[in-house]
C-alpha atoms as a PDB file:
ATOM      1  CA  MET A   1      10.935 -19.310   1.800  1.00  0.00           C
ATOM      2  CA  TYR A   2      13.189 -22.118   0.850  1.00  0.00           C
ATOM      3  CA  ASN A   3      13.966 -25.723   1.519  1.00  0.00           C
ATOM      4  CA  ASN A   4      17.040 -25.980   3.645  1.00  0.00           C
ATOM      5  CA  SER A   5      19.105 -28.954   4.625  1.00  0.00           C
ATOM      6  CA  ASN A   6      21.135 -30.130   7.573  1.00  0.00           C
ATOM      7  CA  GLN A   7      24.142 -28.314   6.220  1.00  0.00           C
ATOM      8  CA  SER A   8      26.299 -26.330   8.580  1.00  0.00           C
ATOM      9  CA  ASN A   9      25.990 -22.591   8.862  1.00  0.00           C
ATOM     10  CA  ASN A  10      28.980 -22.222   6.535  1.00  0.00           C
ATOM     11  CA  PRO A  11      28.051 -24.248   3.468  1.00  0.00           C
ATOM     12  CA  THR A  12      30.706 -24.608   0.808  1.00  0.00           C
ATOM     13  CA  TRP A  13      30.331 -24.378  -2.905  1.00  0.00           C
ATOM     14  CA  GLY A  14      33.157 -25.539  -5.120  1.00  0.00           C
ATOM     15  CA  GLY A  15      35.470 -25.765  -2.120  1.00  0.00           C
ATOM     16  CA  GLU A  16      34.943 -22.143  -1.104  1.00  0.00           C
ATOM     17  CA  SER A  17      33.048 -20.889   1.915  1.00  0.00           C
ATOM     18  CA  TYR A  18      30.098 -18.659   1.109  1.00  0.00           C
ATOM     19  CA  ALA A  19      29.413 -17.705   4.714  1.00  0.00           C
ATOM     20  CA  ALA A  20      30.348 -14.098   3.920  1.00  0.00           C
ATOM     21  CA  PHE A  21      27.640 -13.943   1.257  1.00  0.00           C
ATOM     22  CA  TYR A  22      25.044 -15.291   3.670  1.00  0.00           C
ATOM     23  CA  ASP A  23      26.131 -12.771   6.289  1.00  0.00           C
ATOM     24  CA  ALA A  24      25.685 -10.065   3.659  1.00  0.00           C
ATOM     25  CA  VAL A  25      22.112 -11.257   3.058  1.00  0.00           C
ATOM     26  CA  CYS A  26      21.373 -10.870   6.772  1.00  0.00           C
ATOM     27  CA  VAL A  27      22.897  -7.399   6.939  1.00  0.00           C
ATOM     28  CA  LEU A  28      21.119  -6.216   3.790  1.00  0.00           C
ATOM     29  CA  ASN A  29      17.804  -7.563   5.047  1.00  0.00           C
ATOM     30  CA  VAL A  30      18.251  -5.637   8.304  1.00  0.00           C
ATOM     31  CA  VAL A  31      18.970  -2.417   6.381  1.00  0.00           C
ATOM     32  CA  PHE A  32      16.152  -2.777   3.871  1.00  0.00           C
ATOM     33  CA  SER A  33      13.724  -3.958   6.521  1.00  0.00           C
ATOM     34  CA  LEU A  34      14.181  -0.555   8.143  1.00  0.00           C
ATOM     35  CA  THR A  35      13.904   1.340   4.855  1.00  0.00           C
ATOM     36  CA  ALA A  36      10.767  -0.601   3.852  1.00  0.00           C
ATOM     37  CA  PHE A  37       9.156   0.204   7.184  1.00  0.00           C
ATOM     38  CA  ALA A  38      10.190   3.872   7.182  1.00  0.00           C
ATOM     39  CA  GLY A  39       9.312   4.570   3.539  1.00  0.00           C
ATOM     40  CA  ASN A  40       5.930   2.894   3.598  1.00  0.00           C
ATOM     41  CA  PHE A  41       5.086   4.377   7.000  1.00  0.00           C
ATOM     42  CA  LEU A  42       5.602   7.854   5.529  1.00  0.00           C
ATOM     43  CA  VAL A  43       3.424   6.999   2.522  1.00  0.00           C
ATOM     44  CA  LEU A  44       0.657   5.650   4.760  1.00  0.00           C
ATOM     45  CA  GLY A  45       0.830   8.697   7.012  1.00  0.00           C
ATOM     46  CA  ALA A  46       0.824  11.092   4.068  1.00  0.00           C
ATOM     47  CA  ILE A  47      -2.258   9.533   2.444  1.00  0.00           C
ATOM     48  CA  TRP A  48      -4.093   9.163   5.754  1.00  0.00           C
ATOM     49  CA  SER A  49      -3.465  12.749   6.891  1.00  0.00           C
ATOM     50  CA  LYS A  50      -4.178  14.417   3.539  1.00  0.00           C
ATOM     51  CA  PRO A  51      -7.915  14.435   2.645  1.00  0.00           C
ATOM     52  CA  THR A  52      -7.147  15.534  -0.922  1.00  0.00           C
ATOM     53  CA  LEU A  53      -5.345  12.219  -1.447  1.00  0.00           C
ATOM     54  CA  HIS A  54      -8.370  10.160  -0.416  1.00  0.00           C
ATOM     55  CA  LYS A  55      -9.031   8.997  -3.961  1.00  0.00           C
ATOM     56  CA  PRO A  56      -9.502   5.429  -5.245  1.00  0.00           C
ATOM     57  CA  THR A  57      -6.047   5.206  -6.821  1.00  0.00           C
ATOM     58  CA  ASN A  58      -4.333   6.501  -3.690  1.00  0.00           C
ATOM     59  CA  ILE A  59      -6.404   4.154  -1.520  1.00  0.00           C
ATOM     60  CA  LEU A  60      -4.993   1.283  -3.583  1.00  0.00           C
ATOM     61  CA  LEU A  61      -1.501   2.701  -3.104  1.00  0.00           C
ATOM     62  CA  LEU A  62      -2.261   2.857   0.620  1.00  0.00           C
ATOM     63  CA  GLY A  63      -3.098  -0.864   0.538  1.00  0.00           C
ATOM     64  CA  LEU A  64       0.091  -1.552  -1.415  1.00  0.00           C
ATOM     65  CA  SER A  65       2.132   0.420   1.116  1.00  0.00           C
ATOM     66  CA  LEU A  66       0.466  -1.437   3.983  1.00  0.00           C
ATOM     67  CA  SER A  67       1.484  -4.825   2.594  1.00  0.00           C
ATOM     68  CA  ASP A  68       4.992  -3.517   1.818  1.00  0.00           C
ATOM     69  CA  LEU A  69       5.274  -2.133   5.354  1.00  0.00           C
ATOM     70  CA  ALA A  70       4.314  -5.549   6.750  1.00  0.00           C
ATOM     71  CA  VAL A  71       7.023  -7.141   4.614  1.00  0.00           C
ATOM     72  CA  GLY A  72       9.610  -4.862   6.220  1.00  0.00           C
ATOM     73  CA  LEU A  73       8.159  -5.110   9.726  1.00  0.00           C
ATOM     74  CA  ILE A  74       7.283  -8.818   9.880  1.00  0.00           C
ATOM     75  CA  VAL A  75       8.485 -10.901   6.935  1.00  0.00           C
ATOM     76  CA  GLN A  76      12.071  -9.667   6.687  1.00  0.00           C
ATOM     77  CA  PRO A  77      12.816 -10.003  10.431  1.00  0.00           C
ATOM     78  CA  LEU A  78      11.415 -13.555  10.289  1.00  0.00           C
ATOM     79  CA  PHE A  79      13.584 -14.235   7.253  1.00  0.00           C
ATOM     80  CA  ILE A  80      16.626 -13.070   9.216  1.00  0.00           C
ATOM     81  CA  VAL A  81      15.697 -15.527  11.987  1.00  0.00           C
ATOM     82  CA  VAL A  82      15.415 -18.251   9.342  1.00  0.00           C
ATOM     83  CA  LEU A  83      18.895 -17.414   8.063  1.00  0.00           C
ATOM     84  CA  ILE A  84      20.529 -17.231  11.486  1.00  0.00           C
ATOM     85  CA  TYR A  85      19.034 -20.409  12.912  1.00  0.00           C
ATOM     86  CA  GLU A  86      19.067 -22.373   9.644  1.00  0.00           C
ATOM     87  CA  VAL A  87      15.356 -23.105   9.894  1.00  0.00           C
ATOM     88  CA  SER A  88      14.434 -26.219   7.924  1.00  0.00           C
ATOM     89  CA  ARG A  89      11.430 -28.508   7.884  1.00  0.00           C
ATOM     90  CA  GLU A  90      13.529 -31.052   9.807  1.00  0.00           C
ATOM     91  CA  LYS A  91      14.721 -28.747  12.592  1.00  0.00           C
ATOM     92  CA  TYR A  92      11.919 -26.205  13.070  1.00  0.00           C
ATOM     93  CA  PRO A  93       8.904 -27.380  11.036  1.00  0.00           C
ATOM     94  CA  VAL A  94       6.318 -25.204  12.805  1.00  0.00           C
ATOM     95  CA  LEU A  95       8.366 -22.001  12.654  1.00  0.00           C
ATOM     96  CA  ARG A  96       9.197 -22.609   9.004  1.00  0.00           C
ATOM     97  CA  LEU A  97       5.538 -23.204   8.146  1.00  0.00           C
ATOM     98  CA  ILE A  98       4.456 -20.031   9.978  1.00  0.00           C
ATOM     99  CA  PHE A  99       7.105 -17.994   8.187  1.00  0.00           C
ATOM    100  CA  ARG A 100       6.150 -19.267   4.740  1.00  0.00           C
ATOM    101  CA  SER A 101       2.446 -18.685   5.389  1.00  0.00           C
ATOM    102  CA  ILE A 102       2.979 -15.105   6.587  1.00  0.00           C
ATOM    103  CA  GLN A 103       5.269 -14.413   3.663  1.00  0.00           C
ATOM    104  CA  ALA A 104       2.742 -15.848   1.186  1.00  0.00           C
ATOM    105  CA  PHE A 105      -0.006 -13.665   2.643  1.00  0.00           C
ATOM    106  CA  PHE A 106       1.777 -10.330   2.336  1.00  0.00           C
ATOM    107  CA  VAL A 107       3.553 -11.046  -0.954  1.00  0.00           C
ATOM    108  CA  SER A 108       0.305 -12.132  -2.628  1.00  0.00           C
ATOM    109  CA  ALA A 109      -1.421  -9.025  -1.224  1.00  0.00           C
ATOM    110  CA  THR A 110       1.297  -6.894  -2.847  1.00  0.00           C
ATOM    111  CA  ILE A 111       0.952  -8.553  -6.259  1.00  0.00           C
ATOM    112  CA  LEU A 112      -2.857  -8.478  -6.259  1.00  0.00           C
ATOM    113  CA  THR A 113      -2.991  -4.840  -5.115  1.00  0.00           C
ATOM    114  CA  LEU A 114      -0.565  -3.749  -7.818  1.00  0.00           C
ATOM    115  CA  THR A 115      -2.740  -5.549 -10.355  1.00  0.00           C
ATOM    116  CA  SER A 116      -5.788  -3.671  -9.065  1.00  0.00           C
ATOM    117  CA  VAL A 117      -3.876  -0.398  -9.556  1.00  0.00           C
ATOM    118  CA  SER A 118      -3.406  -1.200 -13.248  1.00  0.00           C
ATOM    119  CA  VAL A 119      -7.109  -2.070 -13.574  1.00  0.00           C
ATOM    120  CA  ASP A 120      -8.044   1.198 -11.864  1.00  0.00           C
ATOM    121  CA  ARG A 121      -5.951   3.246 -14.305  1.00  0.00           C
ATOM    122  CA  CYS A 122      -7.490   1.413 -17.231  1.00  0.00           C
ATOM    123  CA  LEU A 123     -11.008   2.089 -15.941  1.00  0.00           C
ATOM    124  CA  ALA A 124     -10.165   5.765 -15.456  1.00  0.00           C
ATOM    125  CA  LEU A 125      -9.312   6.018 -19.140  1.00  0.00           C
ATOM    126  CA  ILE A 126     -12.203   3.909 -20.451  1.00  0.00           C
ATOM    127  CA  LEU A 127     -14.945   5.406 -18.261  1.00  0.00           C
ATOM    128  CA  HIS A 128     -13.514   8.943 -18.389  1.00  0.00           C
ATOM    129  CA  LEU A 129     -16.218  11.256 -16.949  1.00  0.00           C
ATOM    130  CA  ARG A 130     -18.158   8.322 -15.480  1.00  0.00           C
ATOM    131  CA  TYR A 131     -15.099   7.108 -13.556  1.00  0.00           C
ATOM    132  CA  VAL A 132     -15.823   9.240 -10.480  1.00  0.00           C
ATOM    133  CA  ALA A 133     -19.354   7.866 -10.206  1.00  0.00           C
ATOM    134  CA  VAL A 134     -18.453   4.218 -10.896  1.00  0.00           C
ATOM    135  CA  VAL A 135     -15.174   3.885  -8.989  1.00  0.00           C
ATOM    136  CA  THR A 136     -15.641   5.200  -5.449  1.00  0.00           C
ATOM    137  CA  VAL A 137     -13.548   5.099  -2.301  1.00  0.00           C
ATOM    138  CA  LYS A 138     -15.976   2.673  -0.625  1.00  0.00           C
ATOM    139  CA  LYS A 139     -15.782   0.267  -3.564  1.00  0.00           C
ATOM    140  CA  THR A 140     -11.991   0.545  -3.558  1.00  0.00           C
ATOM    141  CA  ILE A 141     -11.839  -0.305   0.150  1.00  0.00           C
ATOM    142  CA  LEU A 142     -14.083  -3.307  -0.566  1.00  0.00           C
ATOM    143  CA  VAL A 143     -11.667  -4.431  -3.298  1.00  0.00           C
ATOM    144  CA  LEU A 144      -8.767  -4.168  -0.847  1.00  0.00           C
ATOM    145  CA  CYS A 145     -10.680  -6.274   1.686  1.00  0.00           C
ATOM    146  CA  LEU A 146     -11.329  -8.918  -0.974  1.00  0.00           C
ATOM    147  CA  ILE A 147      -7.639  -8.883  -1.924  1.00  0.00           C
ATOM    148  CA  TRP A 148      -6.593  -9.459   1.681  1.00  0.00           C
ATOM    149  CA  LEU A 149      -9.221 -12.187   2.027  1.00  0.00           C
ATOM    150  CA  ALA A 150      -7.866 -13.900  -1.106  1.00  0.00           C
ATOM    151  CA  SER A 151      -4.350 -13.585   0.334  1.00  0.00           C
ATOM    152  CA  VAL A 152      -5.522 -15.285   3.535  1.00  0.00           C
ATOM    153  CA  VAL A 153      -6.946 -18.154   1.476  1.00  0.00           C
ATOM    154  CA  TYR A 154      -3.671 -18.455  -0.415  1.00  0.00           C
ATOM    155  CA  ALA A 155      -1.647 -18.473   2.823  1.00  0.00           C
ATOM    156  CA  VAL A 156      -3.903 -21.197   4.239  1.00  0.00           C
ATOM    157  CA  THR A 157      -2.931 -23.483   1.343  1.00  0.00           C
ATOM    158  CA  PHE A 158       0.521 -23.697   2.928  1.00  0.00           C
ATOM    159  CA  LEU A 159      -1.069 -25.063   6.087  1.00  0.00           C
ATOM    160  CA  ILE A 160      -3.501 -27.430   4.373  1.00  0.00           C
ATOM    161  CA  ASP A 161      -1.537 -29.054   1.576  1.00  0.00           C
ATOM    162  CA  ASN A 162       1.854 -28.180   0.135  1.00  0.00           C
ATOM    163  CA  GLU A 163       0.875 -29.737  -3.201  1.00  0.00           C
ATOM    164  CA  LEU A 164      -2.205 -27.486  -3.413  1.00  0.00           C
ATOM    165  CA  ARG A 165       0.016 -24.418  -3.115  1.00  0.00           C
ATOM    166  CA  ARG A 166       1.737 -24.938  -6.469  1.00  0.00           C
ATOM    167  CA  PRO A 167      -1.305 -24.823  -8.779  1.00  0.00           C
ATOM    168  CA  VAL A 168      -2.778 -21.945  -6.756  1.00  0.00           C
ATOM    169  CA  SER A 169       0.481 -19.987  -7.040  1.00  0.00           C
ATOM    170  CA  PHE A 170       0.709 -20.675 -10.758  1.00  0.00           C
ATOM    171  CA  PHE A 171      -2.899 -19.563 -11.286  1.00  0.00           C
ATOM    172  CA  VAL A 172      -2.510 -16.325  -9.301  1.00  0.00           C
ATOM    173  CA  VAL A 173       0.768 -15.324 -10.954  1.00  0.00           C
ATOM    174  CA  THR A 174      -0.499 -16.147 -14.450  1.00  0.00           C
ATOM    175  CA  LEU A 175      -3.768 -14.267 -13.875  1.00  0.00           C
ATOM    176  CA  CYS A 176      -1.933 -11.163 -12.619  1.00  0.00           C
ATOM    177  CA  ILE A 177       0.462 -11.215 -15.589  1.00  0.00           C
ATOM    178  CA  VAL A 178      -2.413 -11.510 -18.070  1.00  0.00           C
ATOM    179  CA  ILE A 179      -4.435  -8.723 -16.416  1.00  0.00           C
ATOM    180  CA  ASN A 180      -1.478  -6.344 -16.143  1.00  0.00           C
ATOM    181  CA  THR A 181      -0.418  -6.976 -19.727  1.00  0.00           C
ATOM    182  CA  SER A 182      -3.966  -6.444 -21.001  1.00  0.00           C
ATOM    183  CA  THR A 183      -4.538  -3.234 -19.056  1.00  0.00           C
ATOM    184  CA  CYS A 184      -1.206  -1.709 -20.086  1.00  0.00           C
ATOM    185  CA  SER A 185      -1.876  -2.601 -23.723  1.00  0.00           C
ATOM    186  CA  THR A 186      -5.400  -1.128 -23.546  1.00  0.00           C
ATOM    187  CA  ILE A 187      -4.223   2.105 -21.943  1.00  0.00           C
ATOM    188  CA  TYR A 188      -1.452   2.489 -24.510  1.00  0.00           C
ATOM    189  CA  ARG A 189      -3.822   1.978 -27.462  1.00  0.00           C
ATOM    190  CA  ILE A 190      -6.387   4.453 -26.111  1.00  0.00           C
ATOM    191  CA  CYS A 191      -3.749   7.101 -25.394  1.00  0.00           C
ATOM    192  CA  ARG A 192      -2.230   6.615 -28.826  1.00  0.00           C
ATOM    193  CA  ARG A 193      -5.622   6.884 -30.559  1.00  0.00           C
ATOM    194  CA  HIS A 194      -6.505  10.043 -28.639  1.00  0.00           C
ATOM    195  CA  ARG A 195      -3.141  11.594 -29.408  1.00  0.00           C
ATOM    196  CA  ILE A 196      -3.639  10.974 -33.129  1.00  0.00           C
ATOM    197  CA  GLN A 197      -7.150  12.439 -32.986  1.00  0.00           C
ATOM    198  CA  ILE A 198      -5.920  15.544 -31.177  1.00  0.00           C
ATOM    199  CA  GLN A 199      -3.050  16.014 -33.650  1.00  0.00           C
ATOM    200  CA  ASN A 200      -5.489  15.798 -36.574  1.00  0.00           C
ATOM    201  CA  GLN A 201      -7.630  18.591 -35.146  1.00  0.00           C
ATOM    202  CA  SER A 202      -6.858  22.087 -36.366  1.00  0.00           C
ATOM    203  CA  LEU A 203      -7.486  23.523 -32.873  1.00  0.00           C
ATOM    204  CA  PRO A 204      -6.723  20.801 -30.340  1.00  0.00           C
ATOM    205  CA  ASN A 205      -8.877  20.664 -27.230  1.00  0.00           C
ATOM    206  CA  GLN A 206      -6.612  21.792 -24.379  1.00  0.00           C
ATOM    207  CA  ALA A 207      -8.581  19.805 -21.782  1.00  0.00           C
ATOM    208  CA  GLU A 208      -8.133  16.606 -23.768  1.00  0.00           C
ATOM    209  CA  VAL A 209      -4.427  17.324 -24.214  1.00  0.00           C
ATOM    210  CA  PHE A 210      -4.079  17.805 -20.454  1.00  0.00           C
ATOM    211  CA  ASP A 211      -6.002  14.607 -19.718  1.00  0.00           C
ATOM    212  CA  MET A 212      -3.861  12.583 -22.111  1.00  0.00           C
ATOM    213  CA  LYS A 213      -0.680  13.925 -20.522  1.00  0.00           C
ATOM    214  CA  ARG A 214      -2.008  13.017 -17.093  1.00  0.00           C
ATOM    215  CA  TYR A 215      -3.013   9.533 -18.192  1.00  0.00           C
ATOM    216  CA  ARG A 216       0.309   8.962 -19.927  1.00  0.00           C
ATOM    217  CA  LYS A 217       2.081  10.005 -16.748  1.00  0.00           C
ATOM    218  CA  SER A 218       0.014   7.576 -14.659  1.00  0.00           C
ATOM    219  CA  LEU A 219       0.655   4.868 -17.260  1.00  0.00           C
ATOM    220  CA  ILE A 220       4.402   5.397 -16.978  1.00  0.00           C
ATOM    221  CA  THR A 221       4.160   5.235 -13.174  1.00  0.00           C
ATOM    222  CA  MET A 222       2.221   1.983 -13.377  1.00  0.00           C
ATOM    223  CA  ILE A 223       4.695   0.510 -15.866  1.00  0.00           C
ATOM    224  CA  VAL A 224       7.616   1.453 -13.619  1.00  0.00           C
ATOM    225  CA  LEU A 225       5.971  -0.323 -10.665  1.00  0.00           C
ATOM    226  CA  LEU A 226       5.235  -3.387 -12.805  1.00  0.00           C
ATOM    227  CA  MET A 227       8.765  -3.519 -14.220  1.00  0.00           C
ATOM    228  CA  LEU A 228      10.245  -3.302 -10.737  1.00  0.00           C
ATOM    229  CA  LEU A 229       7.917  -6.090  -9.637  1.00  0.00           C
ATOM    230  CA  ILE A 230       9.004  -8.254 -12.572  1.00  0.00           C
ATOM    231  CA  ILE A 231      12.700  -7.569 -11.979  1.00  0.00           C
ATOM    232  CA  CYS A 232      12.483  -8.325  -8.258  1.00  0.00           C
ATOM    233  CA  TYR A 233      10.204 -11.374  -8.479  1.00  0.00           C
ATOM    234  CA  THR A 234      11.420 -13.147 -11.640  1.00  0.00           C
ATOM    235  CA  PRO A 235      14.633 -14.643 -10.150  1.00  0.00           C
ATOM    236  CA  TYR A 236      12.721 -16.154  -7.230  1.00  0.00           C
ATOM    237  CA  ILE A 237       9.937 -17.487  -9.456  1.00  0.00           C
ATOM    238  CA  CYS A 238      12.516 -19.065 -11.792  1.00  0.00           C
ATOM    239  CA  VAL A 239      14.385 -20.709  -8.917  1.00  0.00           C
ATOM    240  CA  ARG A 240      11.143 -22.009  -7.436  1.00  0.00           C
ATOM    241  CA  ALA A 241      10.084 -23.349 -10.837  1.00  0.00           C
ATOM    242  CA  LEU A 242      13.392 -25.182 -11.213  1.00  0.00           C
ATOM    243  CA  ILE A 243      12.945 -26.767  -7.795  1.00  0.00           C
ATOM    244  CA  ALA A 244       9.318 -27.719  -8.493  1.00  0.00           C
ATOM    245  CA  PHE A 245       9.746 -29.155 -11.996  1.00  0.00           C
ATOM    246  CA  THR A 246      13.279 -30.586 -11.943  1.00  0.00           C
ATOM    247  CA  ASP A 247      15.297 -32.892  -9.734  1.00  0.00           C
ATOM    248  CA  TRP A 248      17.521 -30.097  -8.446  1.00  0.00           C
ATOM    249  CA  PRO A 249      18.836 -31.605  -5.196  1.00  0.00           C
ATOM    250  CA  ILE A 250      19.260 -29.704  -1.936  1.00  0.00           C
ATOM    251  CA  SER A 251      22.721 -28.161  -2.064  1.00  0.00           C
ATOM    252  CA  PRO A 252      24.618 -25.041  -0.986  1.00  0.00           C
ATOM    253  CA  ARG A 253      24.139 -23.620  -4.494  1.00  0.00           C
ATOM    254  CA  ARG A 254      20.364 -24.060  -4.296  1.00  0.00           C
ATOM    255  CA  ILE A 255      20.252 -22.473  -0.834  1.00  0.00           C
ATOM    256  CA  PHE A 256      22.408 -19.612  -2.088  1.00  0.00           C
ATOM    257  CA  MET A 257      20.122 -18.917  -5.065  1.00  0.00           C
ATOM    258  CA  LEU A 258      16.978 -19.048  -2.927  1.00  0.00           C
ATOM    259  CA  ARG A 259      18.337 -16.666  -0.321  1.00  0.00           C
ATOM    260  CA  TRP A 260      19.448 -14.032  -2.776  1.00  0.00           C
ATOM    261  CA  SER A 261      16.331 -14.271  -4.925  1.00  0.00           C
ATOM    262  CA  ALA A 262      14.218 -13.934  -1.759  1.00  0.00           C
ATOM    263  CA  PHE A 263      16.158 -10.807  -0.843  1.00  0.00           C
ATOM    264  CA  LEU A 264      15.252  -9.278  -4.234  1.00  0.00           C
ATOM    265  CA  VAL A 265      11.563  -9.959  -3.549  1.00  0.00           C
ATOM    266  CA  TYR A 266      11.766  -8.088  -0.254  1.00  0.00           C
ATOM    267  CA  LEU A 267      13.791  -5.288  -1.861  1.00  0.00           C
ATOM    268  CA  ASN A 268      10.725  -4.364  -3.918  1.00  0.00           C
ATOM    269  CA  SER A 269       8.985  -3.184  -0.734  1.00  0.00           C
ATOM    270  CA  SER A 270      11.722  -0.606  -0.145  1.00  0.00           C
ATOM    271  CA  ILE A 271      11.753   0.663  -3.734  1.00  0.00           C
ATOM    272  CA  ASN A 272       8.025   1.272  -4.186  1.00  0.00           C
ATOM    273  CA  PRO A 273       7.844   4.338  -1.857  1.00  0.00           C
ATOM    274  CA  LEU A 274      10.690   5.915  -3.829  1.00  0.00           C
ATOM    275  CA  VAL A 275       8.671   5.482  -7.018  1.00  0.00           C
ATOM    276  CA  TYR A 276       5.668   7.211  -5.422  1.00  0.00           C
ATOM    277  CA  CYS A 277       7.828  10.188  -4.445  1.00  0.00           C
ATOM    278  CA  TRP A 278       9.460  10.332  -7.862  1.00  0.00           C
ATOM    279  CA  ARG A 279       6.370   9.969 -10.046  1.00  0.00           C
ATOM    280  CA  ILE A 280       3.559  11.538  -7.962  1.00  0.00           C
ATOM    281  CA  PRO A 281       4.218  15.210  -7.024  1.00  0.00           C
ATOM    282  CA  ALA A 282       1.178  15.430  -4.715  1.00  0.00           C
ATOM    283  CA  MET A 283       2.406  12.380  -2.819  1.00  0.00           C
ATOM    284  CA  ARG A 284       5.873  13.870  -2.530  1.00  0.00           C
ATOM    285  CA  VAL A 285       4.511  17.093  -1.066  1.00  0.00           C
ATOM    286  CA  ALA A 286       2.238  15.206   1.348  1.00  0.00           C
ATOM    287  CA  ILE A 287       5.120  13.037   2.559  1.00  0.00           C
ATOM    288  CA  LYS A 288       7.249  16.122   3.221  1.00  0.00           C
ATOM    289  CA  GLN A 289       4.409  17.734   5.164  1.00  0.00           C
ATOM    290  CA  PHE A 290       3.773  14.572   7.159  1.00  0.00           C
ATOM    291  CA  TRP A 291       7.486  14.263   7.958  1.00  0.00           C
ATOM    292  CA  LYS A 292       7.628  17.885   9.118  1.00  0.00           C
ATOM    293  CA  SER A 293       4.565  17.345  11.308  1.00  0.00           C
ATOM    294  CA  LEU A 294       6.254  14.319  12.911  1.00  0.00           C
ATOM    295  CA  LEU A 295       9.387  16.358  13.619  1.00  0.00           C
ATOM    296  CA  HIS A 296       7.282  19.169  15.053  1.00  0.00           C
ATOM    297  CA  ARG A 297       5.415  16.809  17.388  1.00  0.00           C
ATOM    298  CA  HIS A 298       8.689  15.262  18.503  1.00  0.00           C
ATOM    299  CA  SER A 299      10.259  18.673  19.208  1.00  0.00           C
ATOM    300  CA  THR A 300       7.266  19.836  21.235  1.00  0.00           C
END
């Protein structure tokens, strides 16, 4: 995740020891690794066990939860190992390379899947009645497979050439930002136009009113997920950009910024399941039922 140095485990910054802050990163990663695993496991179980949730949008959320679960189950524990053993390219080059490749795979899968969610919501509004026929579960599963394949290709760039990684990362991030911005803008304009049309009617169509409320609700959910993604990922992207395009030398301050910004990236995997429960009533009910079924199996 970051370039380390041969500093001691208690690097100083301005004459003060920041070992306590680094210990806090380890502790917080342990806690949120567990919450990411538990929350996304419940979401996966709820969608898998509830046939009524087997819809394209929920299948995409299942893929998003799967990548978030892997972040909590694999990436964060590896990150803790990196912190404890001060893994650098000088001391443990192979372990560091494996960690960065695995991290790149699951993080890119998360970003690409969330982008596909925004595209799906936009298609649902544009296609309207034709959406069910055009966007199917099989096609959605195929999209998820392509996303994971693209994530594998991106992770391989870490193994092939470190210089190749930077333009690929820039392209992927820029493409996702453009697509998400375009889809949100399109959905907002369509909803606004329909709302004006309905208000101008003397007897508004109740079905259209209901559909617009449902689409606005899904738009808000998508925007919340995107905003959380931006908040959690922006600090790390900014720090990485500073390292890539400036002569910022390896120092305790740089290590400190990378560690905390990386923690924010992983924190996103723990927050997403909470958003599903908050914004999607059917998901909330399914998670409760799945949790009760787990308790019942354990008791019997």
